Amino acid sequence: MDSSTLLYNQLKAADPFFLLAGPNVIESEEHILYMAKNLKSIASKLGLPLVFKSSFDKANRTSSKSFRGPGLAEGLKILEKVKTTYDIPIVTDVHETIQCEAVGKVADIIQIPAFLCRQTDLLVAAAKTGKIINIKKGQFCAPSVMENSAEKIRLAGNENVMVCERGTMFGYNDLIVDPRNFEWLREANCPVVADITHSLQQPAGRKLEGGGVASGGLRELIPCIARTAVAVGVDGIFMEVHDDPLKAPVDGPTQWPLRHLEELLEELIAIAEAISSDKHSFICSGLARGRNSMKSTSLHFGRENQSRFHCVLYLHGQDARWGKTSLAL
């Protein structure tokens, strides 16, 4: 069995999920090695398979003035050093067919950017490297499109493909995450990854001093999207992590602080374990606004038999009551 297929099978078998994580772009060799060391330490402590992520070139920046990275040659040299120094696999993205062969000599997973998810020549060139291919779902695409994109990889002779949800355009400067996509992406017949950071991007939503725009984001909601994805049961979590997001040269608003990573992952593991302990039950909590107060609510679902669920609604607060109903399936 070749090394790519071996890694692919290991990631598919990950329990509760595997992790693709790292800073958005290579800023320097020193910074990348620092991030890789810390990410490996956290992932190893929690028992999560880690693939380190960073980009050598961000070719689709909003502005031509934005930082793009060190470029192909220098970037791959740095990523190879990460791989050999810390013995961890690498994922990085390509934007042109001409990059695929060189990237395939270093990366274990080649990522197809969301904007390019339907580009047949790029998909085929990436597939022919024999590496695992992670295809980001375009912000403009229905999840069904990923069936065709994954099939292009397979028809090029590569069975090692995964698809990634990263949000859907909602107006001009915002994205939303439709949790149904995590299930619908299963139709691609491959592992499903949730990008919990780019999903909260606000494209070209931040005005810059002196003119121009850049992408903003809602970093504070990353845990919300992450909890949802894990509760649904994705195979992998993709997230960009930085030791100081406020000083990150690009995509700072959607990079998760390194100092809070272990805490978030511990919570996600707990959710995944709770879900897997009873595949037929789950809990959804939220808020219900009453006439005079805000009450927290919990919906508890459990299977009564093969065709019915019971549902119990709890209202926590003043004049709290509860009721029970059955839902036919």
Protein backbone atom coordinates (compact mmCIF):
# COMPACT_ATOMS: atom_id res chain seq x y z
CA MET A 1 0.00 0.00 0.00
CA ASP A 2 1.45 3.39 -0.97
CA SER A 3 1.99 6.12 1.63
CA SER A 4 -0.88 8.31 0.39
CA THR A 5 -3.43 5.51 0.64
CA LEU A 6 -2.08 4.55 4.06
CA LEU A 7 -2.49 8.12 5.36
CA TYR A 8 -5.92 8.40 3.71
CA ASN A 9 -7.11 5.25 5.48
CA GLN A 10 -5.69 6.48 8.79
CA LEU A 11 -7.56 9.77 8.46
CA LYS A 12 -10.79 8.02 7.50
CA ALA A 13 -10.49 5.86 10.60
CA ALA A 14 -9.77 8.80 12.93
CA ASP A 15 -11.86 8.83 16.10
CA PRO A 16 -13.46 11.24 16.76
CA PHE A 17 -12.00 13.31 13.88
CA PHE A 18 -8.74 14.35 12.24
CA LEU A 19 -7.35 17.88 12.26
CA LEU A 20 -5.98 20.00 9.41
CA ALA A 21 -4.54 23.08 11.11
CA GLY A 22 -1.95 25.81 10.85
CA PRO A 23 -1.50 29.49 9.99
CA ASN A 24 -3.11 30.84 6.84
CA VAL A 25 0.15 31.65 5.08
CA ILE A 26 3.87 31.09 5.61
CA GLU A 27 5.18 34.27 7.24
CA SER A 28 8.69 33.00 8.01
CA GLU A 29 10.48 29.74 8.66
CA GLU A 30 10.82 30.57 12.35
CA HIS A 31 7.10 31.24 12.74
CA ILE A 32 6.04 28.12 10.86
CA LEU A 33 8.33 25.87 12.92
CA TYR A 34 7.01 27.45 16.12
CA MET A 35 3.41 26.87 15.08
CA ALA A 36 4.05 23.30 13.93
CA LYS A 37 5.77 22.41 17.21
CA ASN A 38 2.89 23.73 19.29
CA LEU A 39 0.16 22.25 17.12
CA LYS A 40 1.80 18.82 17.19
CA SER A 41 2.11 19.01 20.97
CA ILE A 42 -1.59 19.84 21.41
CA ALA A 43 -2.83 17.29 18.87
CA SER A 44 -0.65 14.53 20.32
CA LYS A 45 -1.84 15.28 23.84
CA LEU A 46 -5.47 14.99 22.71
CA GLY A 47 -4.91 11.98 20.46
CA LEU A 48 -5.96 13.73 17.25
CA PRO A 49 -4.30 12.91 13.91
CA LEU A 50 -2.77 16.19 12.68
CA VAL A 51 -1.95 17.40 9.18
CA PHE A 52 -0.12 20.73 9.29
CA LYS A 53 -1.47 23.42 6.97
CA SER A 54 -0.01 26.61 5.57
CA SER A 55 0.11 28.26 2.13
CA PHE A 56 3.20 29.24 0.15
CA ASP A 57 1.20 31.69 -1.99
CA LYS A 58 -2.22 33.25 -1.46
CA ALA A 59 -3.00 33.99 -5.08
CA ASN A 60 -6.63 35.00 -4.52
CA ARG A 61 -6.15 37.88 -2.11
CA THR A 62 -8.76 40.66 -2.28
CA SER A 63 -6.12 43.32 -2.83
CA SER A 64 -2.94 43.26 -4.93
CA LYS A 65 -1.24 44.89 -1.93
CA SER A 66 -2.00 41.97 0.40
CA PHE A 67 0.77 39.70 1.68
CA ARG A 68 0.92 36.52 -0.42
CA GLY A 69 3.70 34.46 1.12
CA PRO A 70 7.24 33.42 0.14
CA GLY A 71 6.31 31.76 -3.15
CA LEU A 72 6.51 28.19 -4.42
CA ALA A 73 10.22 27.32 -4.11
CA GLU A 74 10.93 28.92 -0.73
CA GLY A 75 7.55 27.94 0.67
CA LEU A 76 7.96 24.25 -0.18
CA LYS A 77 11.44 24.28 1.32
CA ILE A 78 9.98 25.55 4.61
CA LEU A 79 7.11 23.06 4.58
CA GLU A 80 9.52 20.21 3.91
CA LYS A 81 11.53 21.29 6.95
CA VAL A 82 8.37 21.17 9.07
CA LYS A 83 7.65 17.68 7.76
CA THR A 84 11.10 16.30 8.55
CA THR A 85 11.63 18.17 11.83
CA TYR A 86 8.35 17.22 13.46
CA ASP A 87 7.37 14.12 11.46
CA ILE A 88 3.91 15.40 10.55
CA PRO A 89 2.14 15.31 7.17
CA ILE A 90 1.56 18.52 5.24
CA VAL A 91 -1.41 20.04 3.42
CA THR A 92 -1.07 23.08 1.18
CA ASP A 93 -3.02 24.54 -1.72
CA VAL A 94 -2.34 24.95 -5.43
CA HIS A 95 -3.75 27.50 -7.83
CA GLU A 96 -2.26 26.46 -11.17
CA THR A 97 -1.65 23.13 -12.89
CA ILE A 98 2.05 23.94 -13.21
CA GLN A 99 2.42 23.91 -9.41
CA CYS A 100 1.05 20.41 -8.82
CA GLU A 101 4.11 18.28 -9.58
CA ALA A 102 6.43 20.28 -7.31
CA VAL A 103 3.86 20.49 -4.51
CA GLY A 104 3.21 16.75 -4.77
CA LYS A 105 6.85 16.06 -3.92
CA VAL A 106 6.41 17.70 -0.50
CA ALA A 107 2.74 17.82 0.47
CA ASP A 108 0.79 14.77 1.61
CA ILE A 109 -2.52 16.46 0.86
CA ILE A 110 -3.04 18.91 -2.01
CA GLN A 111 -5.86 21.34 -1.41
CA ILE A 112 -8.00 22.81 -4.18
CA PRO A 113 -9.20 26.33 -3.27
CA ALA A 114 -12.96 26.92 -3.18
CA PHE A 115 -12.88 29.36 -6.10
CA LEU A 116 -11.27 26.64 -8.24
CA CYS A 117 -13.29 23.60 -7.16
CA ARG A 118 -14.70 22.98 -10.66
CA GLN A 119 -11.48 23.61 -12.63
CA THR A 120 -11.06 20.28 -14.39
CA ASP A 121 -7.45 20.73 -15.52
CA LEU A 122 -6.36 21.69 -12.01
CA LEU A 123 -8.24 18.80 -10.41
CA VAL A 124 -6.76 16.31 -12.86
CA ALA A 125 -3.20 17.64 -12.48
CA ALA A 126 -3.50 17.46 -8.69
CA ALA A 127 -4.98 13.96 -8.85
CA LYS A 128 -2.15 12.66 -11.03
CA THR A 129 0.38 13.40 -8.28
CA GLY A 130 -1.14 10.47 -6.38
CA LYS A 131 -1.50 12.59 -3.26
CA ILE A 132 -4.69 12.96 -1.21
CA ILE A 133 -6.84 15.74 -2.68
CA ASN A 134 -8.95 17.98 -0.43
CA ILE A 135 -11.48 19.97 -2.47
CA LYS A 136 -12.99 23.06 -0.86
CA LYS A 137 -16.64 23.56 -1.84
CA GLY A 138 -17.07 26.82 -3.71
CA GLN A 139 -18.96 29.52 -1.87
CA PHE A 140 -21.17 29.72 -4.95
CA CYS A 141 -21.83 25.96 -5.21
CA ALA A 142 -24.51 23.59 -4.05
CA PRO A 143 -23.07 20.57 -2.21
CA SER A 144 -24.11 18.35 -5.13
CA VAL A 145 -21.38 19.97 -7.25
CA MET A 146 -18.79 18.23 -5.09
CA GLU A 147 -19.94 14.84 -6.38
CA ASN A 148 -18.72 15.84 -9.83
CA SER A 149 -15.49 17.37 -8.54
CA ALA A 150 -14.65 14.25 -6.54
CA GLU A 151 -15.46 12.10 -9.55
CA LYS A 152 -12.96 14.07 -11.66
CA ILE A 153 -10.26 13.06 -9.18
CA ARG A 154 -11.26 9.39 -9.35
CA LEU A 155 -11.46 9.37 -13.14
CA ALA A 156 -7.88 10.64 -13.17
CA GLY A 157 -6.88 7.47 -11.32
CA ASN A 158 -6.84 8.73 -7.72
CA GLU A 159 -9.30 7.36 -5.16
CA ASN A 160 -7.91 9.40 -2.27
CA VAL A 161 -10.20 12.42 -2.22
CA MET A 162 -12.07 14.40 0.44
CA VAL A 163 -14.44 17.36 0.25
CA CYS A 164 -14.63 20.39 2.51
CA GLU A 165 -17.49 22.71 3.47
CA ARG A 166 -16.39 26.34 3.88
CA GLY A 167 -19.62 28.34 3.78
CA THR A 168 -21.99 29.72 1.18
CA MET A 169 -22.33 33.30 -0.05
CA PHE A 170 -25.09 35.22 1.69
CA GLY A 171 -25.34 38.56 -0.04
CA TYR A 172 -22.22 40.45 -1.05
CA ASN A 173 -19.99 40.40 2.03
CA ASP A 174 -21.04 37.47 4.14
CA LEU A 175 -21.10 33.69 4.32
CA ILE A 176 -23.43 31.32 6.10
CA VAL A 177 -22.99 27.67 7.02
CA ASP A 178 -25.87 25.37 6.18
CA PRO A 179 -25.48 22.31 8.46
CA ARG A 180 -27.43 20.23 5.94
CA ASN A 181 -24.39 20.45 3.66
CA PHE A 182 -22.36 18.30 6.05
CA GLU A 183 -24.79 15.48 5.32
CA TRP A 184 -25.39 16.23 1.64
CA LEU A 185 -21.64 16.24 0.98
CA ARG A 186 -21.69 12.53 1.89
CA GLU A 187 -23.09 11.98 -1.61
CA ALA A 188 -19.53 12.49 -2.87
CA ASN A 189 -18.74 9.16 -1.18
CA CYS A 190 -15.62 10.34 0.62
CA PRO A 191 -14.56 11.93 3.92
CA VAL A 192 -16.22 15.26 4.75
CA VAL A 193 -14.20 18.08 6.30
CA ALA A 194 -15.56 21.23 7.94
CA ASP A 195 -13.57 24.44 7.52
CA ILE A 196 -14.63 26.17 10.73
CA THR A 197 -12.60 29.33 10.15
CA HIS A 198 -13.01 30.40 6.50
CA SER A 199 -16.73 29.65 6.92
CA LEU A 200 -16.93 32.80 9.04
CA GLN A 201 -15.14 35.02 6.57
CA GLN A 202 -16.78 38.25 5.41
CA PRO A 203 -15.33 38.62 1.89
CA ALA A 204 -14.25 42.18 1.09
CA GLY A 205 -16.25 43.21 4.13
CA ARG A 206 -13.63 45.36 5.86
CA LYS A 207 -12.71 48.86 4.70
CA LEU A 208 -9.07 49.82 4.94
CA GLU A 209 -7.61 53.14 6.00
CA GLY A 210 -6.54 55.00 2.92
CA GLY A 211 -9.05 53.21 0.73
CA GLY A 212 -9.68 49.72 -0.49
CA VAL A 213 -11.17 46.68 1.21
CA ALA A 214 -10.05 43.41 2.77
CA SER A 215 -11.83 40.36 4.10
CA GLY A 216 -13.20 40.51 7.61
CA GLY A 217 -14.57 37.73 9.74
CA LEU A 218 -16.41 36.60 12.86
CA ARG A 219 -13.76 34.82 14.91
CA GLU A 220 -15.99 34.74 17.99
CA LEU A 221 -18.39 32.36 16.21
CA ILE A 222 -15.77 29.75 15.30
CA PRO A 223 -16.70 27.56 18.33
CA CYS A 224 -20.36 27.71 17.28
CA ILE A 225 -19.68 26.38 13.78
CA ALA A 226 -17.20 23.85 15.15
CA ARG A 227 -19.72 22.43 17.64
CA THR A 228 -22.33 22.13 14.91
CA ALA A 229 -19.98 20.31 12.53
CA VAL A 230 -18.79 17.83 15.14
CA ALA A 231 -22.33 17.18 16.36
CA VAL A 232 -23.42 16.36 12.80
CA GLY A 233 -20.45 14.00 12.52
CA VAL A 234 -17.85 15.29 10.06
CA ASP A 235 -14.69 13.27 9.53
CA GLY A 236 -12.24 16.14 9.80
CA ILE A 237 -11.88 19.69 11.08
CA PHE A 238 -9.96 22.29 9.07
CA MET A 239 -8.97 25.42 10.94
CA GLU A 240 -6.46 28.19 10.62
CA VAL A 241 -4.60 28.93 13.84
CA HIS A 242 -2.26 31.76 14.73
CA ASP A 243 -0.34 32.71 17.86
CA ASP A 244 -1.37 36.36 17.41
CA PRO A 245 -4.32 36.71 14.98
CA LEU A 246 -4.47 40.49 15.42
CA LYS A 247 -1.00 40.74 13.88
CA ALA A 248 -1.48 38.11 11.17
CA PRO A 249 -0.69 39.63 7.75
CA VAL A 250 -3.83 38.11 6.16
CA ASP A 251 -7.11 36.56 7.36
CA GLY A 252 -6.48 37.55 10.97
CA PRO A 253 -10.22 37.91 11.71
CA THR A 254 -10.80 34.22 10.94
CA GLN A 255 -7.75 32.62 12.54
CA TRP A 256 -8.22 30.98 15.94
CA PRO A 257 -5.78 31.96 18.73
CA LEU A 258 -3.24 29.24 19.50
CA ARG A 259 -3.63 29.87 23.24
CA HIS A 260 -7.29 28.82 23.08
CA LEU A 261 -6.89 25.85 20.73
CA GLU A 262 -6.54 23.05 23.28
CA GLU A 263 -9.63 24.21 25.16
CA LEU A 264 -11.75 24.31 22.00
CA LEU A 265 -10.55 20.90 20.80
CA GLU A 266 -11.27 19.36 24.21
CA GLU A 267 -14.84 20.63 23.95
CA LEU A 268 -15.25 19.29 20.42
CA ILE A 269 -13.91 15.88 21.43
CA ALA A 270 -16.38 15.77 24.32
CA ILE A 271 -19.26 16.60 21.97
CA ALA A 272 -18.17 13.94 19.48
CA GLU A 273 -17.85 11.32 22.20
CA ALA A 274 -21.27 12.19 23.60
CA ILE A 275 -22.83 11.86 20.17
CA SER A 276 -21.11 8.59 19.36
CA SER A 277 -22.12 7.07 22.71
CA ASP A 278 -25.75 7.19 21.56
CA LYS A 279 -26.14 7.50 17.81
CA HIS A 280 -29.90 7.96 18.19
CA SER A 281 -30.02 10.95 20.54
CA PHE A 282 -28.89 14.53 20.57
CA ILE A 283 -29.47 17.80 22.40
CA CYS A 284 -30.10 21.21 20.91
CA SER A 285 -30.12 24.28 23.14
CA GLY A 286 -31.02 27.87 22.46
CA LEU A 287 -33.11 30.81 23.62
CA ALA A 288 -36.84 31.43 23.59
CA ARG A 289 -38.08 34.98 24.06
CA GLY A 290 -41.14 35.21 26.29
CA ARG A 291 -43.38 38.21 26.89
CA ASN A 292 -41.44 39.37 29.94
CA SER A 293 -38.20 37.44 29.92
CA MET A 294 -35.66 35.48 27.95
CA LYS A 295 -35.76 31.76 28.76
CA SER A 296 -33.19 29.17 27.81
CA THR A 297 -34.53 26.06 26.14
CA SER A 298 -33.36 22.54 25.58
CA LEU A 299 -34.74 20.07 23.08
CA HIS A 300 -34.03 16.45 23.94
CA PHE A 301 -34.62 13.89 21.20
CA GLY A 302 -34.53 10.13 21.70
CA ARG A 303 -35.64 7.17 19.65
CA GLU A 304 -38.77 5.36 20.90
CA ASN A 305 -38.71 2.78 18.13
CA GLN A 306 -37.68 2.49 14.50
CA SER A 307 -40.28 4.96 13.25
CA ARG A 308 -40.88 7.49 16.05
CA PHE A 309 -38.85 9.93 18.07
CA HIS A 310 -39.93 11.47 21.34
CA CYS A 311 -39.20 15.13 21.92
CA VAL A 312 -39.08 16.86 25.29
CA LEU A 313 -38.95 20.66 25.45
CA TYR A 314 -37.64 22.27 28.62
CA LEU A 315 -38.01 25.99 29.36
CA HIS A 316 -35.57 27.07 32.04
CA GLY A 317 -36.61 30.19 33.87
CA GLN A 318 -39.65 31.83 35.40
CA ASP A 319 -42.89 29.86 34.95
CA ALA A 320 -40.93 26.98 33.40
CA ARG A 321 -42.96 24.11 32.03
CA TRP A 322 -42.19 21.15 29.88
CA GLY A 323 -44.07 19.04 27.40
CA LYS A 324 -43.56 15.88 25.43
CA THR A 325 -44.59 14.94 21.95
CA SER A 326 -43.82 12.18 19.45
CA LEU A 327 -42.69 12.76 15.91
CA ALA A 328 -43.43 10.20 13.22
CA LEU A 329 -40.69 9.66 10.65
